[in-house]
PDB file of N, CA and C in Angstrom:
ATOM      1  N   MET A   1      30.109  32.148  49.645  1.00  0.00           N
ATOM      2  CA  MET A   1      29.887  32.934  50.839  1.00  0.00           C
ATOM      3  C   MET A   1      30.396  34.357  50.604  1.00  0.00           C
ATOM      4  N   THR A   2      29.611  35.314  51.012  1.00  0.00           N
ATOM      5  CA  THR A   2      29.973  36.716  50.848  1.00  0.00           C
ATOM      6  C   THR A   2      30.950  37.137  51.936  1.00  0.00           C
ATOM      7  N   SER A   3      31.945  37.899  51.567  1.00  0.00           N
ATOM      8  CA  SER A   3      32.942  38.395  52.517  1.00  0.00           C
ATOM      9  C   SER A   3      32.344  39.498  53.373  1.00  0.00           C
ATOM     10  N   THR A   4      32.942  39.718  54.530  1.00  0.00           N
ATOM     11  CA  THR A   4      32.485  40.789  55.412  1.00  0.00           C
ATOM     12  C   THR A   4      32.942  42.131  54.864  1.00  0.00           C
ATOM     13  N   LEU A   5      32.297  43.185  55.324  1.00  0.00           N
ATOM     14  CA  LEU A   5      32.678  44.534  54.889  1.00  0.00           C
ATOM     15  C   LEU A   5      34.123  44.841  55.278  1.00  0.00           C
ATOM     16  N   ALA A   6      34.547  44.348  56.433  1.00  0.00           N
ATOM     17  CA  ALA A   6      35.934  44.570  56.865  1.00  0.00           C
ATOM     18  C   ALA A   6      36.913  43.884  55.908  1.00  0.00           C
ATOM     19  N   GLU A   7      36.567  42.699  55.406  1.00  0.00           N
ATOM     20  CA  GLU A   7      37.427  41.994  54.450  1.00  0.00           C
ATOM     21  C   GLU A   7      37.483  42.740  53.124  1.00  0.00           C
ATOM     22  N   VAL A   8      36.337  43.275  52.701  1.00  0.00           N
ATOM     23  CA  VAL A   8      36.295  44.047  51.465  1.00  0.00           C
ATOM     24  C   VAL A   8      37.151  45.303  51.620  1.00  0.00           C
ATOM     25  N   GLU A   9      36.986  45.999  52.726  1.00  0.00           N
ATOM     26  CA  GLU A   9      37.766  47.211  52.987  1.00  0.00           C
ATOM     27  C   GLU A   9      39.256  46.917  52.975  1.00  0.00           C
ATOM     28  N   ALA A  10      39.661  45.871  53.669  1.00  0.00           N
ATOM     29  CA  ALA A  10      41.083  45.515  53.731  1.00  0.00           C
ATOM     30  C   ALA A  10      41.615  45.163  52.344  1.00  0.00           C
ATOM     31  N   ALA A  11      40.835  44.437  51.555  1.00  0.00           N
ATOM     32  CA  ALA A  11      41.276  44.057  50.208  1.00  0.00           C
ATOM     33  C   ALA A  11      41.405  45.277  49.307  1.00  0.00           C
ATOM     34  N   ILE A  12      40.486  46.226  49.427  1.00  0.00           N
ATOM     35  CA  ILE A  12      40.579  47.463  48.639  1.00  0.00           C
ATOM     36  C   ILE A  12      41.858  48.209  48.990  1.00  0.00           C
ATOM     37  N   MET A  13      42.095  48.393  50.269  1.00  0.00           N
ATOM     38  CA  MET A  13      43.283  49.132  50.695  1.00  0.00           C
ATOM     39  C   MET A  13      44.564  48.404  50.285  1.00  0.00           C
ATOM     40  N   ASP A  14      44.595  47.078  50.427  1.00  0.00           N
ATOM     41  CA  ASP A  14      45.775  46.302  50.028  1.00  0.00           C
ATOM     42  C   ASP A  14      46.033  46.415  48.528  1.00  0.00           C
ATOM     43  N   ALA A  15      44.955  46.314  47.735  1.00  0.00           N
ATOM     44  CA  ALA A  15      45.105  46.396  46.281  1.00  0.00           C
ATOM     45  C   ALA A  15      45.602  47.779  45.860  1.00  0.00           C
ATOM     46  N   LEU A  16      45.101  48.819  46.498  1.00  0.00           N
ATOM     47  CA  LEU A  16      45.544  50.171  46.161  1.00  0.00           C
ATOM     48  C   LEU A  16      46.991  50.405  46.575  1.00  0.00           C
ATOM     49  N   ARG A  17      47.366  49.906  47.737  1.00  0.00           N
ATOM     50  CA  ARG A  17      48.762  50.055  48.175  1.00  0.00           C
ATOM     51  C   ARG A  17      49.706  49.310  47.230  1.00  0.00           C
ATOM     52  N   ALA A  18      49.303  48.131  46.816  1.00  0.00           N
ATOM     53  CA  ALA A  18      50.143  47.332  45.916  1.00  0.00           C
ATOM     54  C   ALA A  18      50.279  48.004  44.548  1.00  0.00           C
ATOM     55  N   ALA A  19      49.246  48.692  44.105  1.00  0.00           N
ATOM     56  CA  ALA A  19      49.272  49.327  42.785  1.00  0.00           C
ATOM     57  C   ALA A  19      50.212  50.527  42.743  1.00  0.00           C
ATOM     58  N   ARG A  20      50.272  51.278  43.816  1.00  0.00           N
ATOM     59  CA  ARG A  20      51.110  52.481  43.894  1.00  0.00           C
ATOM     60  C   ARG A  20      50.758  53.528  42.840  1.00  0.00           C
ATOM     61  N   GLU A  21      49.537  53.472  42.338  1.00  0.00           N
ATOM     62  CA  GLU A  21      49.036  54.448  41.374  1.00  0.00           C
ATOM     63  C   GLU A  21      47.507  54.389  41.391  1.00  0.00           C
ATOM     64  N   PRO A  22      46.849  55.378  40.833  1.00  0.00           N
ATOM     65  CA  PRO A  22      45.385  55.333  40.772  1.00  0.00           C
ATOM     66  C   PRO A  22      44.906  54.109  39.986  1.00  0.00           C
ATOM     67  N   VAL A  23      43.816  53.527  40.463  1.00  0.00           N
ATOM     68  CA  VAL A  23      43.268  52.324  39.850  1.00  0.00           C
ATOM     69  C   VAL A  23      41.812  52.583  39.467  1.00  0.00           C
ATOM     70  N   ALA A  24      41.452  52.221  38.244  1.00  0.00           N
ATOM     71  CA  ALA A  24      40.072  52.367  37.784  1.00  0.00           C
ATOM     72  C   ALA A  24      39.146  51.496  38.636  1.00  0.00           C
ATOM     73  N   GLU A  25      37.944  51.996  38.863  1.00  0.00           N
ATOM     74  CA  GLU A  25      36.976  51.318  39.725  1.00  0.00           C
ATOM     75  C   GLU A  25      36.741  49.858  39.313  1.00  0.00           C
ATOM     76  N   SER A  26      36.506  49.622  38.034  1.00  0.00           N
ATOM     77  CA  SER A  26      36.235  48.249  37.584  1.00  0.00           C
ATOM     78  C   SER A  26      37.465  47.360  37.746  1.00  0.00           C
ATOM     79  N   VAL A  27      38.627  47.911  37.524  1.00  0.00           N
ATOM     80  CA  VAL A  27      39.879  47.152  37.695  1.00  0.00           C
ATOM     81  C   VAL A  27      40.110  46.854  39.174  1.00  0.00           C
ATOM     82  N   LEU A  28      39.845  47.830  40.025  1.00  0.00           N
ATOM     83  CA  LEU A  28      39.989  47.628  41.466  1.00  0.00           C
ATOM     84  C   LEU A  28      39.053  46.522  41.937  1.00  0.00           C
ATOM     85  N   TYR A  29      37.829  46.518  41.440  1.00  0.00           N
ATOM     86  CA  TYR A  29      36.870  45.469  41.798  1.00  0.00           C
ATOM     87  C   TYR A  29      37.428  44.091  41.436  1.00  0.00           C
ATOM     88  N   GLU A  30      37.974  43.963  40.243  1.00  0.00           N
ATOM     89  CA  GLU A  30      38.531  42.674  39.814  1.00  0.00           C
ATOM     90  C   GLU A  30      39.740  42.281  40.659  1.00  0.00           C
ATOM     91  N   ARG A  31      40.555  43.244  41.044  1.00  0.00           N
ATOM     92  CA  ARG A  31      41.716  42.948  41.897  1.00  0.00           C
ATOM     93  C   ARG A  31      41.275  42.492  43.276  1.00  0.00           C
ATOM     94  N   VAL A  32      40.222  43.100  43.800  1.00  0.00           N
ATOM     95  CA  VAL A  32      39.681  42.684  45.097  1.00  0.00           C
ATOM     96  C   VAL A  32      39.147  41.260  44.989  1.00  0.00           C
ATOM     97  N   ARG A  33      38.407  40.970  43.937  1.00  0.00           N
ATOM     98  CA  ARG A  33      37.854  39.618  43.746  1.00  0.00           C
ATOM     99  C   ARG A  33      38.971  38.588  43.553  1.00  0.00           C
ATOM    100  N   SER A  34      40.066  38.992  42.905  1.00  0.00           N
ATOM    101  CA  SER A  34      41.169  38.052  42.689  1.00  0.00           C
ATOM    102  C   SER A  34      41.884  37.706  43.991  1.00  0.00           C
ATOM    103  N   ARG A  35      41.639  38.494  45.014  1.00  0.00           N
ATOM    104  CA  ARG A  35      42.208  38.216  46.337  1.00  0.00           C
ATOM    105  C   ARG A  35      41.318  37.277  47.141  1.00  0.00           C
ATOM    106  N   GLY A  36      40.311  36.706  46.505  1.00  0.00           N
ATOM    107  CA  GLY A  36      39.432  35.749  47.174  1.00  0.00           C
ATOM    108  C   GLY A  36      38.273  36.378  47.920  1.00  0.00           C
ATOM    109  N   VAL A  37      38.043  37.658  47.694  1.00  0.00           N
ATOM    110  CA  VAL A  37      36.953  38.364  48.372  1.00  0.00           C
ATOM    111  C   VAL A  37      35.697  38.258  47.515  1.00  0.00           C
ATOM    112  N   SER A  38      34.641  37.751  48.120  1.00  0.00           N
ATOM    113  CA  SER A  38      33.365  37.605  47.429  1.00  0.00           C
ATOM    114  C   SER A  38      32.473  38.794  47.790  1.00  0.00           C
ATOM    115  N   VAL A  39      32.240  39.668  46.808  1.00  0.00           N
ATOM    116  CA  VAL A  39      31.444  40.869  47.054  1.00  0.00           C
ATOM    117  C   VAL A  39      30.732  41.266  45.763  1.00  0.00           C
ATOM    118  N   ALA A  40      29.490  41.675  45.905  1.00  0.00           N
ATOM    119  CA  ALA A  40      28.731  42.158  44.754  1.00  0.00           C
ATOM    120  C   ALA A  40      29.233  43.550  44.374  1.00  0.00           C
ATOM    121  N   PRO A  41      29.101  43.930  43.108  1.00  0.00           N
ATOM    122  CA  PRO A  41      29.580  45.252  42.684  1.00  0.00           C
ATOM    123  C   PRO A  41      28.997  46.408  43.499  1.00  0.00           C
ATOM    124  N   GLY A  42      27.704  46.356  43.804  1.00  0.00           N
ATOM    125  CA  GLY A  42      27.086  47.437  44.576  1.00  0.00           C
ATOM    126  C   GLY A  42      27.661  47.556  45.982  1.00  0.00           C
ATOM    127  N   ALA A  43      27.878  46.425  46.633  1.00  0.00           N
ATOM    128  CA  ALA A  43      28.462  46.437  47.980  1.00  0.00           C
ATOM    129  C   ALA A  43      29.903  46.926  47.930  1.00  0.00           C
ATOM    130  N   PHE A  44      30.635  46.514  46.893  1.00  0.00           N
ATOM    131  CA  PHE A  44      32.006  46.986  46.711  1.00  0.00           C
ATOM    132  C   PHE A  44      32.033  48.512  46.587  1.00  0.00           C
ATOM    133  N   MET A  45      31.145  49.058  45.755  1.00  0.00           N
ATOM    134  CA  MET A  45      31.117  50.509  45.550  1.00  0.00           C
ATOM    135  C   MET A  45      30.707  51.240  46.818  1.00  0.00           C
ATOM    136  N   ASP A  46      29.830  50.637  47.620  1.00  0.00           N
ATOM    137  CA  ASP A  46      29.444  51.247  48.895  1.00  0.00           C
ATOM    138  C   ASP A  46      30.647  51.348  49.839  1.00  0.00           C
ATOM    139  N   VAL A  47      31.428  50.279  49.914  1.00  0.00           N
ATOM    140  CA  VAL A  47      32.615  50.285  50.782  1.00  0.00           C
ATOM    141  C   VAL A  47      33.638  51.290  50.262  1.00  0.00           C
ATOM    142  N   ALA A  48      33.860  51.316  48.958  1.00  0.00           N
ATOM    143  CA  ALA A  48      34.822  52.259  48.379  1.00  0.00           C
ATOM    144  C   ALA A  48      34.389  53.701  48.633  1.00  0.00           C
ATOM    145  N   GLU A  49      33.097  53.966  48.522  1.00  0.00           N
ATOM    146  CA  GLU A  49      32.587  55.317  48.779  1.00  0.00           C
ATOM    147  C   GLU A  49      32.773  55.707  50.243  1.00  0.00           C
ATOM    148  N   ARG A  50      32.545  54.745  51.133  1.00  0.00           N
ATOM    149  CA  ARG A  50      32.745  55.026  52.557  1.00  0.00           C
ATOM    150  C   ARG A  50      34.217  55.322  52.854  1.00  0.00           C
ATOM    151  N   LEU A  51      35.122  54.567  52.226  1.00  0.00           N
ATOM    152  CA  LEU A  51      36.553  54.823  52.414  1.00  0.00           C
ATOM    153  C   LEU A  51      36.922  56.227  51.934  1.00  0.00           C
ATOM    154  N   ALA A  52      36.307  56.661  50.848  1.00  0.00           N
ATOM    155  CA  ALA A  52      36.558  58.013  50.343  1.00  0.00           C
ATOM    156  C   ALA A  52      35.987  59.060  51.293  1.00  0.00           C
ATOM    157  N   THR A  53      34.788  58.832  51.776  1.00  0.00           N
ATOM    158  CA  THR A  53      34.137  59.775  52.695  1.00  0.00           C
ATOM    159  C   THR A  53      34.944  59.925  53.982  1.00  0.00           C
ATOM    160  N   GLU A  54      35.514  58.831  54.438  1.00  0.00           N
ATOM    161  CA  GLU A  54      36.305  58.857  55.677  1.00  0.00           C
ATOM    162  C   GLU A  54      37.729  59.344  55.452  1.00  0.00           C
ATOM    163  N   GLY A  55      38.102  59.632  54.203  1.00  0.00           N
ATOM    164  CA  GLY A  55      39.416  60.190  53.914  1.00  0.00           C
ATOM    165  C   GLY A  55      40.540  59.175  53.767  1.00  0.00           C
ATOM    166  N   HIS A  56      40.206  57.916  53.550  1.00  0.00           N
ATOM    167  CA  HIS A  56      41.240  56.885  53.381  1.00  0.00           C
ATOM    168  C   HIS A  56      41.698  56.760  51.934  1.00  0.00           C
ATOM    169  N   VAL A  57      40.801  57.085  51.008  1.00  0.00           N
ATOM    170  CA  VAL A  57      41.146  57.031  49.593  1.00  0.00           C
ATOM    171  C   VAL A  57      40.677  58.317  48.916  1.00  0.00           C
ATOM    172  N   HIS A  58      41.335  58.634  47.824  1.00  0.00           N
ATOM    173  CA  HIS A  58      40.943  59.787  47.007  1.00  0.00           C
ATOM    174  C   HIS A  58      40.305  59.240  45.734  1.00  0.00           C
ATOM    175  N   VAL A  59      39.234  59.893  45.293  1.00  0.00           N
ATOM    176  CA  VAL A  59      38.536  59.478  44.081  1.00  0.00           C
ATOM    177  C   VAL A  59      38.638  60.599  43.054  1.00  0.00           C
ATOM    178  N   ALA A  60      39.040  60.247  41.853  1.00  0.00           N
ATOM    179  CA  ALA A  60      39.087  61.198  40.739  1.00  0.00           C
ATOM    180  C   ALA A  60      38.211  60.651  39.618  1.00  0.00           C
ATOM    181  N   PHE A  61      37.528  61.551  38.942  1.00  0.00           N
ATOM    182  CA  PHE A  61      36.668  61.172  37.829  1.00  0.00           C
ATOM    183  C   PHE A  61      37.380  61.507  36.524  1.00  0.00           C
ATOM    184  N   GLU A  62      37.382  60.575  35.610  1.00  0.00           N
ATOM    185  CA  GLU A  62      37.995  60.784  34.298  1.00  0.00           C
ATOM    186  C   GLU A  62      36.894  60.684  33.261  1.00  0.00           C
ATOM    187  N   HIS A  63      36.520  61.805  32.706  1.00  0.00           N
ATOM    188  CA  HIS A  63      35.391  61.845  31.776  1.00  0.00           C
ATOM    189  C   HIS A  63      35.780  61.589  30.325  1.00  0.00           C
ATOM    190  N   GLU A  64      37.068  61.540  30.037  1.00  0.00           N
ATOM    191  CA  GLU A  64      37.495  61.373  28.655  1.00  0.00           C
ATOM    192  C   GLU A  64      38.319  60.103  28.464  1.00  0.00           C
ATOM    193  N   LEU A  65      37.818  59.013  28.994  1.00  0.00           N
ATOM    194  CA  LEU A  65      38.484  57.727  28.814  1.00  0.00           C
ATOM    195  C   LEU A  65      38.268  57.217  27.390  1.00  0.00           C
ATOM    196  N   PRO A  66      39.241  56.509  26.852  1.00  0.00           N
ATOM    197  CA  PRO A  66      39.064  55.955  25.508  1.00  0.00           C
ATOM    198  C   PRO A  66      38.032  54.819  25.479  1.00  0.00           C
ATOM    199  N   ALA A  67      37.761  54.205  26.621  1.00  0.00           N
ATOM    200  CA  ALA A  67      36.781  53.116  26.705  1.00  0.00           C
ATOM    201  C   ALA A  67      35.835  53.390  27.870  1.00  0.00           C
ATOM    202  N   THR A  68      34.628  52.901  27.743  1.00  0.00           N
ATOM    203  CA  THR A  68      33.629  53.061  28.791  1.00  0.00           C
ATOM    204  C   THR A  68      33.713  51.882  29.755  1.00  0.00           C
ATOM    205  N   PRO A  69      33.754  52.143  31.069  1.00  0.00           N
ATOM    206  CA  PRO A  69      33.792  51.040  32.033  1.00  0.00           C
ATOM    207  C   PRO A  69      32.508  50.204  31.944  1.00  0.00           C
ATOM    208  N   PRO A  70      32.602  48.923  32.256  1.00  0.00           N
ATOM    209  CA  PRO A  70      31.408  48.086  32.208  1.00  0.00           C
ATOM    210  C   PRO A  70      30.432  48.456  33.335  1.00  0.00           C
ATOM    211  N   PRO A  71      29.133  48.423  33.072  1.00  0.00           N
ATOM    212  CA  PRO A  71      28.147  48.711  34.118  1.00  0.00           C
ATOM    213  C   PRO A  71      28.304  47.727  35.266  1.00  0.00           C
ATOM    214  N   PRO A  72      28.102  48.086  36.483  1.00  0.00           N
ATOM    215  CA  PRO A  72      27.591  49.360  36.987  1.00  0.00           C
ATOM    216  C   PRO A  72      28.693  50.361  37.321  1.00  0.00           C
ATOM    217  N   PHE A  73      29.916  50.094  36.877  1.00  0.00           N
ATOM    218  CA  PHE A  73      31.044  50.933  37.241  1.00  0.00           C
ATOM    219  C   PHE A  73      31.058  52.224  36.433  1.00  0.00           C
ATOM    220  N   GLU A  74      31.737  53.216  36.994  1.00  0.00           N
ATOM    221  CA  GLU A  74      31.872  54.504  36.328  1.00  0.00           C
ATOM    222  C   GLU A  74      33.348  54.827  36.153  1.00  0.00           C
ATOM    223  N   ALA A  75      33.622  55.959  35.552  1.00  0.00           N
ATOM    224  CA  ALA A  75      34.998  56.371  35.260  1.00  0.00           C
ATOM    225  C   ALA A  75      35.652  56.999  36.491  1.00  0.00           C
ATOM    226  N   ARG A  76      35.675  56.232  37.574  1.00  0.00           N
ATOM    227  CA  ARG A  76      36.290  56.693  38.821  1.00  0.00           C
ATOM    228  C   ARG A  76      37.618  55.975  39.007  1.00  0.00           C
ATOM    229  N   PHE A  77      38.601  56.723  39.493  1.00  0.00           N
ATOM    230  CA  PHE A  77      39.908  56.182  39.811  1.00  0.00           C
ATOM    231  C   PHE A  77      40.174  56.409  41.284  1.00  0.00           C
ATOM    232  N   TYR A  78      40.667  55.377  41.948  1.00  0.00           N
ATOM    233  CA  TYR A  78      40.928  55.431  43.386  1.00  0.00           C
ATOM    234  C   TYR A  78      42.422  55.373  43.634  1.00  0.00           C
ATOM    235  N   ARG A  79      42.857  56.104  44.652  1.00  0.00           N
ATOM    236  CA  ARG A  79      44.236  55.971  45.124  1.00  0.00           C
ATOM    237  C   ARG A  79      44.201  56.108  46.645  1.00  0.00           C
ATOM    238  N   VAL A  80      45.114  55.416  47.269  1.00  0.00           N
ATOM    239  CA  VAL A  80      45.156  55.425  48.737  1.00  0.00           C
ATOM    240  C   VAL A  80      45.775  56.739  49.219  1.00  0.00           C
ATOM    241  N   ILE A  81      45.288  57.229  50.325  1.00  0.00           N
ATOM    242  CA  ILE A  81      45.841  58.418  50.976  1.00  0.00           C
ATOM    243  C   ILE A  81      46.564  57.940  52.232  1.00  0.00           C
ATOM    244  N   GLU A  82      47.875  58.233  52.314  1.00  0.00           N
ATOM    245  CA  GLU A  82      48.626  57.816  53.501  1.00  0.00           C
ATOM    246  C   GLU A  82      49.475  58.936  53.995  1.00  0.00           C
TER     247      GLU A  82
END
């Protein structure tokens, strides 16, 4: 069963707060899934983008990573804004 958008949002925010540092997009996705949230990568990225647009999280792009994130993820790092 797929989780609701509110559950995905809450899991993203909880994972970022627990990390206390910027988290790579693909790593954040795995942390959200490890919390029992069932969400497709595209839906996850939509929720994360909305959180950024609304000013809840900050997104930074890292173009010189030593490794390439797995598709469909990009070199984006998220951190919570509080």
